[in-house]
Amino acid sequence: MSTGTVKFFNEEKGFGFILQDDGGKDLFVHASEIQGDRNTTLAEGQKVEYEVGQGKKGPCAVNVIPN
């Protein structure tokens, strides 16, 4: 699992970006990849764990676990 910090998350649109702790490019994250109950969301500055997957437009965060 990789770690990072939520840079931005739009709860209405259901997506955002994660700043990777290892210095890689920001990763797109979709609300459907957030682990937990259906109402779990992300907040700017929140620490997360995730795996890197492949989306339609490039790498993205999958299996995101909020800390």
Protein backbone atom coordinates (compact mmCIF):
# COMPACT_ATOMS: atom_id res chain seq x y z
CA MET A 1 0.00 0.00 0.00
CA SER A 2 1.14 3.52 -0.77
CA THR A 3 0.43 6.58 1.37
CA GLY A 4 -0.47 10.15 0.54
CA THR A 5 -2.47 13.24 1.45
CA VAL A 6 -5.75 14.40 -0.07
CA LYS A 7 -4.94 17.52 -2.10
CA PHE A 8 -8.52 18.20 -3.23
CA PHE A 9 -11.84 16.35 -3.10
CA ASN A 10 -15.17 17.54 -4.51
CA GLU A 11 -17.86 15.67 -2.59
CA GLU A 12 -20.64 16.78 -4.99
CA LYS A 13 -18.84 15.51 -8.09
CA GLY A 14 -17.30 12.52 -6.31
CA PHE A 15 -13.67 12.89 -7.27
CA GLY A 16 -10.40 14.49 -6.23
CA PHE A 17 -6.64 14.14 -6.18
CA ILE A 18 -4.08 12.61 -3.82
CA LEU A 19 -0.56 13.99 -3.33
CA GLN A 20 1.72 10.95 -3.13
CA ASP A 21 4.16 10.77 -0.20
CA ASP A 22 6.82 9.29 -2.49
CA GLY A 23 6.83 12.42 -4.66
CA GLY A 24 5.07 10.93 -7.68
CA LYS A 25 2.48 12.81 -9.72
CA ASP A 26 -0.87 13.59 -8.13
CA LEU A 27 -3.32 10.69 -8.49
CA PHE A 28 -6.96 10.96 -9.49
CA VAL A 29 -9.34 9.34 -6.99
CA HIS A 30 -13.02 8.55 -7.54
CA ALA A 31 -15.49 8.28 -4.64
CA SER A 32 -16.28 4.68 -5.61
CA GLU A 33 -12.71 3.69 -4.63
CA ILE A 34 -13.04 4.93 -1.02
CA GLN A 35 -13.28 1.98 1.38
CA GLY A 36 -15.83 2.15 4.20
CA ASP A 37 -19.56 2.73 4.27
CA ARG A 38 -21.34 4.49 1.42
CA ASN A 39 -21.14 7.86 3.17
CA THR A 40 -17.36 7.83 3.64
CA THR A 41 -15.72 10.82 1.97
CA LEU A 42 -12.31 12.50 1.89
CA ALA A 43 -11.21 15.88 3.21
CA GLU A 44 -8.37 18.14 2.10
CA GLY A 45 -5.23 17.37 4.12
CA GLN A 46 -6.45 13.92 5.19
CA LYS A 47 -3.91 11.06 5.15
CA VAL A 48 -4.85 8.00 3.09
CA GLU A 49 -3.50 4.61 2.08
CA TYR A 50 -4.16 3.35 -1.44
CA GLU A 51 -3.02 1.18 -4.31
CA VAL A 52 -2.14 2.57 -7.71
CA GLY A 53 -4.39 1.36 -10.50
CA GLN A 54 -4.83 2.22 -14.16
CA GLY A 55 -7.73 4.44 -15.21
CA LYS A 56 -8.92 5.62 -18.62
CA LYS A 57 -6.60 8.64 -18.50
CA GLY A 58 -3.64 7.14 -16.63
CA PRO A 59 -2.69 6.08 -13.11
CA CYS A 60 -5.30 6.53 -10.37
CA ALA A 61 -5.79 5.64 -6.71
CA VAL A 62 -7.82 2.51 -5.96
CA ASN A 63 -8.83 0.78 -2.70
CA VAL A 64 -8.42 4.08 -0.83
CA ILE A 65 -8.43 3.78 2.98
CA PRO A 66 -8.90 7.06 4.89
CA ASN A 67 -6.76 7.40 8.05
